[in-house]
Amino acid sequence: MKTKKLWISLCIPCLAAGIALTPTARAQSTAEQAVPASHSATSKEEAKAQRKAERKAHRAKKNAELKDLEKHGYSPAGNQTQYPQNLQNAQQKSEAQQKMNKPASAP
């Protein structure tokens, strides 16, 4: 009998806490439901468009870098027996030209 009373005295506060928290959880779920479905679809589309634009910009940057290296003598489809050295030479030439084209900063 004492065990049953002890169990009940321990369970009642837990149940009360659960009941007290239940309306809050329901309010949150109804607030989430209040957001129109079109709004979440629009934000998903915007996020997708942003990721697509970022991919395009990244691809354009990489293509520009490759064209610059090709302009300075690197050929990715060419003879690859001297691969690292050919790439490094093209990078050095590109960097040297960029330094020459860059205006001197004023002190």
PDB file of N, CA and C in Angstrom:
ATOM      1  N   MET A   1       0.817  -1.196   0.000  1.00  0.00           N
ATOM      2  CA  MET A   1       0.000   0.000   0.000  1.00  0.00           C
ATOM      3  C   MET A   1       0.862   1.262   0.000  1.00  0.00           C
ATOM      4  N   LYS A   2       1.967   1.225   0.783  1.00  0.00           N
ATOM      5  CA  LYS A   2       2.847   2.384   0.844  1.00  0.00           C
ATOM      6  C   LYS A   2       3.519   2.614  -0.516  1.00  0.00           C
ATOM      7  N   THR A   3       3.859   1.540  -1.212  1.00  0.00           N
ATOM      8  CA  THR A   3       4.505   1.655  -2.514  1.00  0.00           C
ATOM      9  C   THR A   3       3.562   2.325  -3.517  1.00  0.00           C
ATOM     10  N   LYS A   4       2.290   1.967  -3.448  1.00  0.00           N
ATOM     11  CA  LYS A   4       1.315   2.551  -4.363  1.00  0.00           C
ATOM     12  C   LYS A   4       1.167   4.049  -4.109  1.00  0.00           C
ATOM     13  N   LYS A   5       1.110   4.456  -2.817  1.00  0.00           N
ATOM     14  CA  LYS A   5       0.997   5.871  -2.489  1.00  0.00           C
ATOM     15  C   LYS A   5       2.243   6.635  -2.932  1.00  0.00           C
ATOM     16  N   LEU A   6       3.400   6.024  -2.740  1.00  0.00           N
ATOM     17  CA  LEU A   6       4.650   6.658  -3.152  1.00  0.00           C
ATOM     18  C   LEU A   6       4.671   6.830  -4.668  1.00  0.00           C
ATOM     19  N   TRP A   7       4.253   5.808  -5.393  1.00  0.00           N
ATOM     20  CA  TRP A   7       4.235   5.885  -6.856  1.00  0.00           C
ATOM     21  C   TRP A   7       3.281   6.980  -7.332  1.00  0.00           C
ATOM     22  N   ILE A   8       2.109   7.045  -6.730  1.00  0.00           N
ATOM     23  CA  ILE A   8       1.125   8.064  -7.098  1.00  0.00           C
ATOM     24  C   ILE A   8       1.661   9.453  -6.766  1.00  0.00           C
ATOM     25  N   SER A   9       2.297   9.598  -5.589  1.00  0.00           N
ATOM     26  CA  SER A   9       2.813  10.916  -5.212  1.00  0.00           C
ATOM     27  C   SER A   9       3.949  11.355  -6.140  1.00  0.00           C
ATOM     28  N   LEU A  10       4.668  10.414  -6.750  1.00  0.00           N
ATOM     29  CA  LEU A  10       5.715  10.768  -7.700  1.00  0.00           C
ATOM     30  C   LEU A  10       5.160  11.034  -9.092  1.00  0.00           C
ATOM     31  N   CYS A  11       4.095  10.360  -9.465  1.00  0.00           N
ATOM     32  CA  CYS A  11       3.540  10.503 -10.806  1.00  0.00           C
ATOM     33  C   CYS A  11       2.700  11.758 -10.977  1.00  0.00           C
ATOM     34  N   ILE A  12       2.040  12.199  -9.912  1.00  0.00           N
ATOM     35  CA  ILE A  12       1.150  13.352 -10.031  1.00  0.00           C
ATOM     36  C   ILE A  12       1.916  14.608 -10.471  1.00  0.00           C
ATOM     37  N   PRO A  13       3.078  14.935  -9.889  1.00  0.00           N
ATOM     38  CA  PRO A  13       3.786  16.130 -10.373  1.00  0.00           C
ATOM     39  C   PRO A  13       4.240  15.993 -11.836  1.00  0.00           C
ATOM     40  N   CYS A  14       4.633  14.797 -12.224  1.00  0.00           N
ATOM     41  CA  CYS A  14       5.044  14.591 -13.618  1.00  0.00           C
ATOM     42  C   CYS A  14       3.875  14.793 -14.569  1.00  0.00           C
ATOM     43  N   LEU A  15       2.716  14.267 -14.215  1.00  0.00           N
ATOM     44  CA  LEU A  15       1.530  14.441 -15.041  1.00  0.00           C
ATOM     45  C   LEU A  15       1.107  15.902 -15.099  1.00  0.00           C
ATOM     46  N   ALA A  16       1.214  16.585 -13.959  1.00  0.00           N
ATOM     47  CA  ALA A  16       0.836  18.000 -13.932  1.00  0.00           C
ATOM     48  C   ALA A  16       1.762  18.816 -14.830  1.00  0.00           C
ATOM     49  N   ALA A  17       3.041  18.488 -14.789  1.00  0.00           N
ATOM     50  CA  ALA A  17       3.986  19.205 -15.648  1.00  0.00           C
ATOM     51  C   ALA A  17       3.695  18.919 -17.116  1.00  0.00           C
ATOM     52  N   GLY A  18       3.368  17.698 -17.433  1.00  0.00           N
ATOM     53  CA  GLY A  18       3.028  17.341 -18.807  1.00  0.00           C
ATOM     54  C   GLY A  18       1.784  18.051 -19.291  1.00  0.00           C
ATOM     55  N   ILE A  19       0.802  18.155 -18.435  1.00  0.00           N
ATOM     56  CA  ILE A  19      -0.439  18.847 -18.805  1.00  0.00           C
ATOM     57  C   ILE A  19      -0.181  20.342 -18.955  1.00  0.00           C
ATOM     58  N   ALA A  20       0.674  20.886 -18.091  1.00  0.00           N
ATOM     59  CA  ALA A  20       0.972  22.320 -18.164  1.00  0.00           C
ATOM     60  C   ALA A  20       1.702  22.662 -19.455  1.00  0.00           C
ATOM     61  N   LEU A  21       2.523  21.767 -19.951  1.00  0.00           N
ATOM     62  CA  LEU A  21       3.291  22.032 -21.163  1.00  0.00           C
ATOM     63  C   LEU A  21       2.511  21.742 -22.443  1.00  0.00           C
ATOM     64  N   THR A  22       1.476  20.959 -22.356  1.00  0.00           N
ATOM     65  CA  THR A  22       0.725  20.567 -23.540  1.00  0.00           C
ATOM     66  C   THR A  22       0.094  21.755 -24.273  1.00  0.00           C
ATOM     67  N   PRO A  23      -0.545  22.712 -23.613  1.00  0.00           N
ATOM     68  CA  PRO A  23      -1.119  23.830 -24.368  1.00  0.00           C
ATOM     69  C   PRO A  23      -0.061  24.639 -25.126  1.00  0.00           C
ATOM     70  N   THR A  24       1.122  24.777 -24.574  1.00  0.00           N
ATOM     71  CA  THR A  24       2.184  25.497 -25.259  1.00  0.00           C
ATOM     72  C   THR A  24       2.558  24.787 -26.542  1.00  0.00           C
ATOM     73  N   ALA A  25       2.689  23.484 -26.486  1.00  0.00           N
ATOM     74  CA  ALA A  25       3.034  22.715 -27.670  1.00  0.00           C
ATOM     75  C   ALA A  25       1.939  22.831 -28.719  1.00  0.00           C
ATOM     76  N   ARG A  26       0.699  22.819 -28.286  1.00  0.00           N
ATOM     77  CA  ARG A  26      -0.401  22.961 -29.234  1.00  0.00           C
ATOM     78  C   ARG A  26      -0.397  24.346 -29.861  1.00  0.00           C
ATOM     79  N   ALA A  27      -0.089  25.371 -29.075  1.00  0.00           N
ATOM     80  CA  ALA A  27      -0.062  26.727 -29.610  1.00  0.00           C
ATOM     81  C   ALA A  27       1.031  26.858 -30.668  1.00  0.00           C
ATOM     82  N   GLN A  28       2.158  26.228 -30.442  1.00  0.00           N
ATOM     83  CA  GLN A  28       3.236  26.291 -31.424  1.00  0.00           C
ATOM     84  C   GLN A  28       2.831  25.593 -32.713  1.00  0.00           C
ATOM     85  N   SER A  29       2.185  24.451 -32.596  1.00  0.00           N
ATOM     86  CA  SER A  29       1.817  23.733 -33.808  1.00  0.00           C
ATOM     87  C   SER A  29       0.751  24.490 -34.588  1.00  0.00           C
ATOM     88  N   THR A  30      -0.180  25.162 -33.905  1.00  0.00           N
ATOM     89  CA  THR A  30      -1.175  25.941 -34.628  1.00  0.00           C
ATOM     90  C   THR A  30      -0.550  27.178 -35.238  1.00  0.00           C
ATOM     91  N   ALA A  31       0.462  27.744 -34.590  1.00  0.00           N
ATOM     92  CA  ALA A  31       1.152  28.900 -35.162  1.00  0.00           C
ATOM     93  C   ALA A  31       1.892  28.490 -36.425  1.00  0.00           C
ATOM     94  N   GLU A  32       2.467  27.308 -36.416  1.00  0.00           N
ATOM     95  CA  GLU A  32       3.150  26.822 -37.605  1.00  0.00           C
ATOM     96  C   GLU A  32       2.163  26.566 -38.733  1.00  0.00           C
ATOM     97  N   GLN A  33       0.973  26.119 -38.381  1.00  0.00           N
ATOM     98  CA  GLN A  33      -0.042  25.863 -39.389  1.00  0.00           C
ATOM     99  C   GLN A  33      -0.593  27.157 -39.955  1.00  0.00           C
ATOM    100  N   ALA A  34      -0.495  28.260 -39.194  1.00  0.00           N
ATOM    101  CA  ALA A  34      -1.028  29.534 -39.649  1.00  0.00           C
ATOM    102  C   ALA A  34      -0.230  30.093 -40.822  1.00  0.00           C
ATOM    103  N   VAL A  35       1.029  29.676 -40.979  1.00  0.00           N
ATOM    104  CA  VAL A  35       1.841  30.137 -42.094  1.00  0.00           C
ATOM    105  C   VAL A  35       1.311  29.491 -43.372  1.00  0.00           C
ATOM    106  N   PRO A  36       0.982  30.286 -44.368  1.00  0.00           N
ATOM    107  CA  PRO A  36       0.448  29.695 -45.601  1.00  0.00           C
ATOM    108  C   PRO A  36       1.479  28.820 -46.289  1.00  0.00           C
ATOM    109  N   ALA A  37       0.994  27.792 -46.935  1.00  0.00           N
ATOM    110  CA  ALA A  37       1.873  26.854 -47.626  1.00  0.00           C
ATOM    111  C   ALA A  37       2.611  27.538 -48.762  1.00  0.00           C
ATOM    112  N   SER A  38       2.003  28.535 -49.379  1.00  0.00           N
ATOM    113  CA  SER A  38       2.646  29.221 -50.502  1.00  0.00           C
ATOM    114  C   SER A  38       3.887  29.968 -50.052  1.00  0.00           C
ATOM    115  N   HIS A  39       3.899  30.442 -48.787  1.00  0.00           N
ATOM    116  CA  HIS A  39       5.061  31.160 -48.281  1.00  0.00           C
ATOM    117  C   HIS A  39       6.270  30.242 -48.186  1.00  0.00           C
ATOM    118  N   SER A  40       6.086  29.036 -47.666  1.00  0.00           N
ATOM    119  CA  SER A  40       7.214  28.111 -47.560  1.00  0.00           C
ATOM    120  C   SER A  40       7.668  27.656 -48.943  1.00  0.00           C
ATOM    121  N   ALA A  41       6.739  27.498 -49.857  1.00  0.00           N
ATOM    122  CA  ALA A  41       7.110  27.108 -51.219  1.00  0.00           C
ATOM    123  C   ALA A  41       7.910  28.224 -51.881  1.00  0.00           C
ATOM    124  N   THR A  42       7.514  29.470 -51.637  1.00  0.00           N
ATOM    125  CA  THR A  42       8.231  30.606 -52.211  1.00  0.00           C
ATOM    126  C   THR A  42       9.640  30.680 -51.648  1.00  0.00           C
ATOM    127  N   SER A  43       9.778  30.489 -50.341  1.00  0.00           N
ATOM    128  CA  SER A  43      11.108  30.564 -49.746  1.00  0.00           C
ATOM    129  C   SER A  43      11.992  29.416 -50.233  1.00  0.00           C
ATOM    130  N   LYS A  44      11.411  28.262 -50.480  1.00  0.00           N
ATOM    131  CA  LYS A  44      12.182  27.147 -51.026  1.00  0.00           C
ATOM    132  C   LYS A  44      12.655  27.474 -52.436  1.00  0.00           C
ATOM    133  N   GLU A  45      11.760  28.084 -53.214  1.00  0.00           N
ATOM    134  CA  GLU A  45      12.127  28.462 -54.580  1.00  0.00           C
ATOM    135  C   GLU A  45      13.216  29.530 -54.575  1.00  0.00           C
ATOM    136  N   GLU A  46      13.110  30.484 -53.634  1.00  0.00           N
ATOM    137  CA  GLU A  46      14.126  31.529 -53.529  1.00  0.00           C
ATOM    138  C   GLU A  46      15.473  30.932 -53.136  1.00  0.00           C
ATOM    139  N   ALA A  47      15.463  30.003 -52.197  1.00  0.00           N
ATOM    140  CA  ALA A  47      16.707  29.368 -51.771  1.00  0.00           C
ATOM    141  C   ALA A  47      17.320  28.568 -52.918  1.00  0.00           C
ATOM    142  N   LYS A  48      16.478  27.888 -53.663  1.00  0.00           N
ATOM    143  CA  LYS A  48      16.963  27.109 -54.809  1.00  0.00           C
ATOM    144  C   LYS A  48      17.559  28.030 -55.865  1.00  0.00           C
ATOM    145  N   ALA A  49      16.889  29.151 -56.126  1.00  0.00           N
ATOM    146  CA  ALA A  49      17.398  30.110 -57.112  1.00  0.00           C
ATOM    147  C   ALA A  49      18.724  30.708 -56.651  1.00  0.00           C
ATOM    148  N   GLN A  50      18.843  30.965 -55.355  1.00  0.00           N
ATOM    149  CA  GLN A  50      20.091  31.520 -54.818  1.00  0.00           C
ATOM    150  C   GLN A  50      21.230  30.515 -54.963  1.00  0.00           C
ATOM    151  N   ARG A  51      20.969  29.250 -54.638  1.00  0.00           N
ATOM    152  CA  ARG A  51      22.008  28.220 -54.789  1.00  0.00           C
ATOM    153  C   ARG A  51      22.415  28.079 -56.249  1.00  0.00           C
ATOM    154  N   LYS A  52      21.440  28.152 -57.148  1.00  0.00           N
ATOM    155  CA  LYS A  52      21.736  28.040 -58.578  1.00  0.00           C
ATOM    156  C   LYS A  52      22.608  29.207 -59.031  1.00  0.00           C
ATOM    157  N   ALA A  53      22.298  30.410 -58.565  1.00  0.00           N
ATOM    158  CA  ALA A  53      23.094  31.583 -58.927  1.00  0.00           C
ATOM    159  C   ALA A  53      24.516  31.471 -58.380  1.00  0.00           C
ATOM    160  N   GLU A  54      24.644  30.945 -57.165  1.00  0.00           N
ATOM    161  CA  GLU A  54      25.976  30.755 -56.582  1.00  0.00           C
ATOM    162  C   GLU A  54      26.790  29.742 -57.387  1.00  0.00           C
ATOM    163  N   ARG A  55      26.136  28.654 -57.816  1.00  0.00           N
ATOM    164  CA  ARG A  55      26.828  27.648 -58.635  1.00  0.00           C
ATOM    165  C   ARG A  55      27.281  28.245 -59.957  1.00  0.00           C
ATOM    166  N   LYS A  56      26.408  29.049 -60.577  1.00  0.00           N
ATOM    167  CA  LYS A  56      26.757  29.670 -61.854  1.00  0.00           C
ATOM    168  C   LYS A  56      27.932  30.625 -61.684  1.00  0.00           C
ATOM    169  N   ALA A  57      27.923  31.412 -60.615  1.00  0.00           N
ATOM    170  CA  ALA A  57      29.015  32.361 -60.372  1.00  0.00           C
ATOM    171  C   ALA A  57      30.319  31.614 -60.116  1.00  0.00           C
ATOM    172  N   HIS A  58      30.252  30.536 -59.349  1.00  0.00           N
ATOM    173  CA  HIS A  58      31.451  29.750 -59.059  1.00  0.00           C
ATOM    174  C   HIS A  58      32.001  29.122 -60.339  1.00  0.00           C
ATOM    175  N   ARG A  59      31.108  28.580 -61.159  1.00  0.00           N
ATOM    176  CA  ARG A  59      31.525  27.966 -62.418  1.00  0.00           C
ATOM    177  C   ARG A  59      32.148  29.007 -63.346  1.00  0.00           C
ATOM    178  N   ALA A  60      31.554  30.200 -63.404  1.00  0.00           N
ATOM    179  CA  ALA A  60      32.094  31.260 -64.254  1.00  0.00           C
ATOM    180  C   ALA A  60      33.483  31.681 -63.780  1.00  0.00           C
ATOM    181  N   LYS A  61      33.669  31.739 -62.462  1.00  0.00           N
ATOM    182  CA  LYS A  61      34.984  32.107 -61.918  1.00  0.00           C
ATOM    183  C   LYS A  61      36.024  31.050 -62.285  1.00  0.00           C
ATOM    184  N   LYS A  62      35.677  29.793 -62.120  1.00  0.00           N
ATOM    185  CA  LYS A  62      36.622  28.712 -62.444  1.00  0.00           C
ATOM    186  C   LYS A  62      36.944  28.687 -63.933  1.00  0.00           C
ATOM    187  N   ASN A  63      35.934  28.907 -64.778  1.00  0.00           N
ATOM    188  CA  ASN A  63      36.165  28.940 -66.227  1.00  0.00           C
ATOM    189  C   ASN A  63      37.075  30.101 -66.607  1.00  0.00           C
ATOM    190  N   ALA A  64      36.888  31.255 -65.947  1.00  0.00           N
ATOM    191  CA  ALA A  64      37.742  32.407 -66.226  1.00  0.00           C
ATOM    192  C   ALA A  64      39.190  32.117 -65.814  1.00  0.00           C
ATOM    193  N   GLU A  65      39.355  31.448 -64.667  1.00  0.00           N
ATOM    194  CA  GLU A  65      40.708  31.087 -64.228  1.00  0.00           C
ATOM    195  C   GLU A  65      41.356  30.121 -65.216  1.00  0.00           C
ATOM    196  N   LEU A  66      40.602  29.147 -65.691  1.00  0.00           N
ATOM    197  CA  LEU A  66      41.142  28.178 -66.646  1.00  0.00           C
ATOM    198  C   LEU A  66      41.515  28.862 -67.962  1.00  0.00           C
ATOM    199  N   LYS A  67      40.662  29.771 -68.430  1.00  0.00           N
ATOM    200  CA  LYS A  67      40.978  30.502 -69.671  1.00  0.00           C
ATOM    201  C   LYS A  67      42.248  31.333 -69.493  1.00  0.00           C
ATOM    202  N   ASP A  68      42.404  31.928 -68.319  1.00  0.00           N
ATOM    203  CA  ASP A  68      43.596  32.721 -68.048  1.00  0.00           C
ATOM    204  C   ASP A  68      44.843  31.836 -68.070  1.00  0.00           C
ATOM    205  N   LEU A  69      44.756  30.664 -67.461  1.00  0.00           N
ATOM    206  CA  LEU A  69      45.898  29.740 -67.470  1.00  0.00           C
ATOM    207  C   LEU A  69      46.199  29.252 -68.886  1.00  0.00           C
ATOM    208  N   GLU A  70      45.150  28.977 -69.654  1.00  0.00           N
ATOM    209  CA  GLU A  70      45.352  28.546 -71.039  1.00  0.00           C
ATOM    210  C   GLU A  70      46.008  29.659 -71.855  1.00  0.00           C
ATOM    211  N   LYS A  71      45.631  30.900 -71.575  1.00  0.00           N
ATOM    212  CA  LYS A  71      46.209  32.037 -72.275  1.00  0.00           C
ATOM    213  C   LYS A  71      47.713  32.151 -71.980  1.00  0.00           C
ATOM    214  N   HIS A  72      48.122  31.690 -70.808  1.00  0.00           N
ATOM    215  CA  HIS A  72      49.527  31.767 -70.412  1.00  0.00           C
ATOM    216  C   HIS A  72      50.286  30.462 -70.641  1.00  0.00           C
ATOM    217  N   GLY A  73      49.730  29.580 -71.457  1.00  0.00           N
ATOM    218  CA  GLY A  73      50.493  28.423 -71.889  1.00  0.00           C
ATOM    219  C   GLY A  73      50.082  27.072 -71.334  1.00  0.00           C
ATOM    220  N   TYR A  74      49.129  26.996 -70.441  1.00  0.00           N
ATOM    221  CA  TYR A  74      48.721  25.699 -69.899  1.00  0.00           C
ATOM    222  C   TYR A  74      47.654  25.085 -70.792  1.00  0.00           C
ATOM    223  N   SER A  75      47.799  23.795 -71.069  1.00  0.00           N
ATOM    224  CA  SER A  75      46.815  23.086 -71.876  1.00  0.00           C
ATOM    225  C   SER A  75      46.400  21.815 -71.140  1.00  0.00           C
ATOM    226  N   PRO A  76      45.186  21.787 -70.565  1.00  0.00           N
ATOM    227  CA  PRO A  76      44.756  20.601 -69.827  1.00  0.00           C
ATOM    228  C   PRO A  76      44.611  19.372 -70.712  1.00  0.00           C
ATOM    229  N   ALA A  77      44.372  19.563 -72.002  1.00  0.00           N
ATOM    230  CA  ALA A  77      44.205  18.429 -72.910  1.00  0.00           C
ATOM    231  C   ALA A  77      45.529  18.032 -73.560  1.00  0.00           C
ATOM    232  N   GLY A  78      46.570  18.773 -73.281  1.00  0.00           N
ATOM    233  CA  GLY A  78      47.859  18.516 -73.924  1.00  0.00           C
ATOM    234  C   GLY A  78      48.654  17.417 -73.245  1.00  0.00           C
ATOM    235  N   ASN A  79      49.935  17.410 -73.514  1.00  0.00           N
ATOM    236  CA  ASN A  79      50.862  16.423 -72.965  1.00  0.00           C
ATOM    237  C   ASN A  79      50.960  16.608 -71.448  1.00  0.00           C
ATOM    238  N   GLN A  80      50.626  15.569 -70.699  1.00  0.00           N
ATOM    239  CA  GLN A  80      50.596  15.674 -69.243  1.00  0.00           C
ATOM    240  C   GLN A  80      51.855  15.105 -68.579  1.00  0.00           C
ATOM    241  N   THR A  81      52.898  14.855 -69.351  1.00  0.00           N
ATOM    242  CA  THR A  81      54.123  14.312 -68.741  1.00  0.00           C
ATOM    243  C   THR A  81      54.799  15.346 -67.847  1.00  0.00           C
ATOM    244  N   GLN A  82      54.611  16.622 -68.139  1.00  0.00           N
ATOM    245  CA  GLN A  82      55.182  17.699 -67.323  1.00  0.00           C
ATOM    246  C   GLN A  82      54.076  18.467 -66.593  1.00  0.00           C
ATOM    247  N   TYR A  83      53.038  17.740 -66.164  1.00  0.00           N
ATOM    248  CA  TYR A  83      51.826  18.368 -65.620  1.00  0.00           C
ATOM    249  C   TYR A  83      52.080  19.405 -64.532  1.00  0.00           C
ATOM    250  N   PRO A  84      52.658  19.091 -63.426  1.00  0.00           N
ATOM    251  CA  PRO A  84      52.703  20.119 -62.383  1.00  0.00           C
ATOM    252  C   PRO A  84      53.525  21.333 -62.808  1.00  0.00           C
ATOM    253  N   GLN A  85      54.604  21.082 -63.512  1.00  0.00           N
ATOM    254  CA  GLN A  85      55.467  22.191 -63.900  1.00  0.00           C
ATOM    255  C   GLN A  85      54.773  23.106 -64.906  1.00  0.00           C
ATOM    256  N   ASN A  86      54.074  22.537 -65.873  1.00  0.00           N
ATOM    257  CA  ASN A  86      53.348  23.348 -66.861  1.00  0.00           C
ATOM    258  C   ASN A  86      52.304  24.236 -66.185  1.00  0.00           C
ATOM    259  N   LEU A  87      51.568  23.688 -65.243  1.00  0.00           N
ATOM    260  CA  LEU A  87      50.549  24.445 -64.536  1.00  0.00           C
ATOM    261  C   LEU A  87      51.180  25.550 -63.695  1.00  0.00           C
ATOM    262  N   GLN A  88      52.248  25.211 -62.988  1.00  0.00           N
ATOM    263  CA  GLN A  88      52.916  26.201 -62.149  1.00  0.00           C
ATOM    264  C   GLN A  88      53.498  27.338 -62.988  1.00  0.00           C
ATOM    265  N   ASN A  89      54.049  27.018 -64.145  1.00  0.00           N
ATOM    266  CA  ASN A  89      54.581  28.061 -65.028  1.00  0.00           C
ATOM    267  C   ASN A  89      53.470  29.000 -65.486  1.00  0.00           C
ATOM    268  N   ALA A  90      52.340  28.443 -65.860  1.00  0.00           N
ATOM    269  CA  ALA A  90      51.211  29.266 -66.301  1.00  0.00           C
ATOM    270  C   ALA A  90      50.702  30.132 -65.150  1.00  0.00           C
ATOM    271  N   GLN A  91      50.678  29.581 -63.938  1.00  0.00           N
ATOM    272  CA  GLN A  91      50.232  30.353 -62.781  1.00  0.00           C
ATOM    273  C   GLN A  91      51.187  31.513 -62.501  1.00  0.00           C
ATOM    274  N   GLN A  92      52.483  31.274 -62.596  1.00  0.00           N
ATOM    275  CA  GLN A  92      53.464  32.332 -62.364  1.00  0.00           C
ATOM    276  C   GLN A  92      53.326  33.443 -63.390  1.00  0.00           C
ATOM    277  N   LYS A  93      53.132  33.073 -64.653  1.00  0.00           N
ATOM    278  CA  LYS A  93      52.950  34.072 -65.703  1.00  0.00           C
ATOM    279  C   LYS A  93      51.680  34.883 -65.459  1.00  0.00           C
ATOM    280  N   SER A  94      50.616  34.216 -65.059  1.00  0.00           N
ATOM    281  CA  SER A  94      49.348  34.886 -64.805  1.00  0.00           C
ATOM    282  C   SER A  94      49.489  35.863 -63.636  1.00  0.00           C
ATOM    283  N   GLU A  95      50.121  35.412 -62.559  1.00  0.00           N
ATOM    284  CA  GLU A  95      50.315  36.279 -61.391  1.00  0.00           C
ATOM    285  C   GLU A  95      51.186  37.481 -61.741  1.00  0.00           C
ATOM    286  N   ALA A  96      52.218  37.266 -62.538  1.00  0.00           N
ATOM    287  CA  ALA A  96      53.095  38.367 -62.934  1.00  0.00           C
ATOM    288  C   ALA A  96      52.318  39.400 -63.745  1.00  0.00           C
ATOM    289  N   GLN A  97      51.465  38.947 -64.650  1.00  0.00           N
ATOM    290  CA  GLN A  97      50.685  39.885 -65.453  1.00  0.00           C
ATOM    291  C   GLN A  97      49.673  40.622 -64.587  1.00  0.00           C
ATOM    292  N   GLN A  98      49.068  39.920 -63.618  1.00  0.00           N
ATOM    293  CA  GLN A  98      48.106  40.577 -62.737  1.00  0.00           C
ATOM    294  C   GLN A  98      48.780  41.660 -61.905  1.00  0.00           C
ATOM    295  N   LYS A  99      50.017  41.408 -61.469  1.00  0.00           N
ATOM    296  CA  LYS A  99      50.750  42.413 -60.695  1.00  0.00           C
ATOM    297  C   LYS A  99      51.068  43.625 -61.571  1.00  0.00           C
ATOM    298  N   MET A 100      51.394  43.402 -62.836  1.00  0.00           N
ATOM    299  CA  MET A 100      51.696  44.503 -63.736  1.00  0.00           C
ATOM    300  C   MET A 100      50.440  45.318 -64.031  1.00  0.00           C
ATOM    301  N   ASN A 101      49.307  44.680 -64.154  1.00  0.00           N
ATOM    302  CA  ASN A 101      48.047  45.368 -64.462  1.00  0.00           C
ATOM    303  C   ASN A 101      47.452  46.066 -63.240  1.00  0.00           C
ATOM    304  N   LYS A 102      47.848  45.634 -62.057  1.00  0.00           N
ATOM    305  CA  LYS A 102      47.325  46.209 -60.834  1.00  0.00           C
ATOM    306  C   LYS A 102      47.962  47.573 -60.589  1.00  0.00           C
ATOM    307  N   PRO A 103      47.180  48.623 -60.362  1.00  0.00           N
ATOM    308  CA  PRO A 103      47.773  49.930 -60.110  1.00  0.00           C
ATOM    309  C   PRO A 103      48.468  49.964 -58.743  1.00  0.00           C
ATOM    310  N   ALA A 104      49.522  50.727 -58.668  1.00  0.00           N
ATOM    311  CA  ALA A 104      50.269  50.842 -57.405  1.00  0.00           C
ATOM    312  C   ALA A 104      49.408  51.566 -56.389  1.00  0.00           C
ATOM    313  N   SER A 105      49.413  51.070 -55.170  1.00  0.00           N
ATOM    314  CA  SER A 105      48.592  51.696 -54.132  1.00  0.00           C
ATOM    315  C   SER A 105      49.318  52.928 -53.600  1.00  0.00           C
ATOM    316  N   ALA A 106      48.539  53.938 -53.282  1.00  0.00           N
ATOM    317  CA  ALA A 106      49.118  55.195 -52.776  1.00  0.00           C
ATOM    318  C   ALA A 106      49.414  55.042 -51.292  1.00  0.00           C
ATOM    319  N   PRO A 107      50.542  55.567 -50.810  1.00  0.00           N
ATOM    320  CA  PRO A 107      50.860  55.445 -49.382  1.00  0.00           C
ATOM    321  C   PRO A 107      50.023  56.310 -48.513  1.00  0.00           C
TER     322      PRO A 107
END
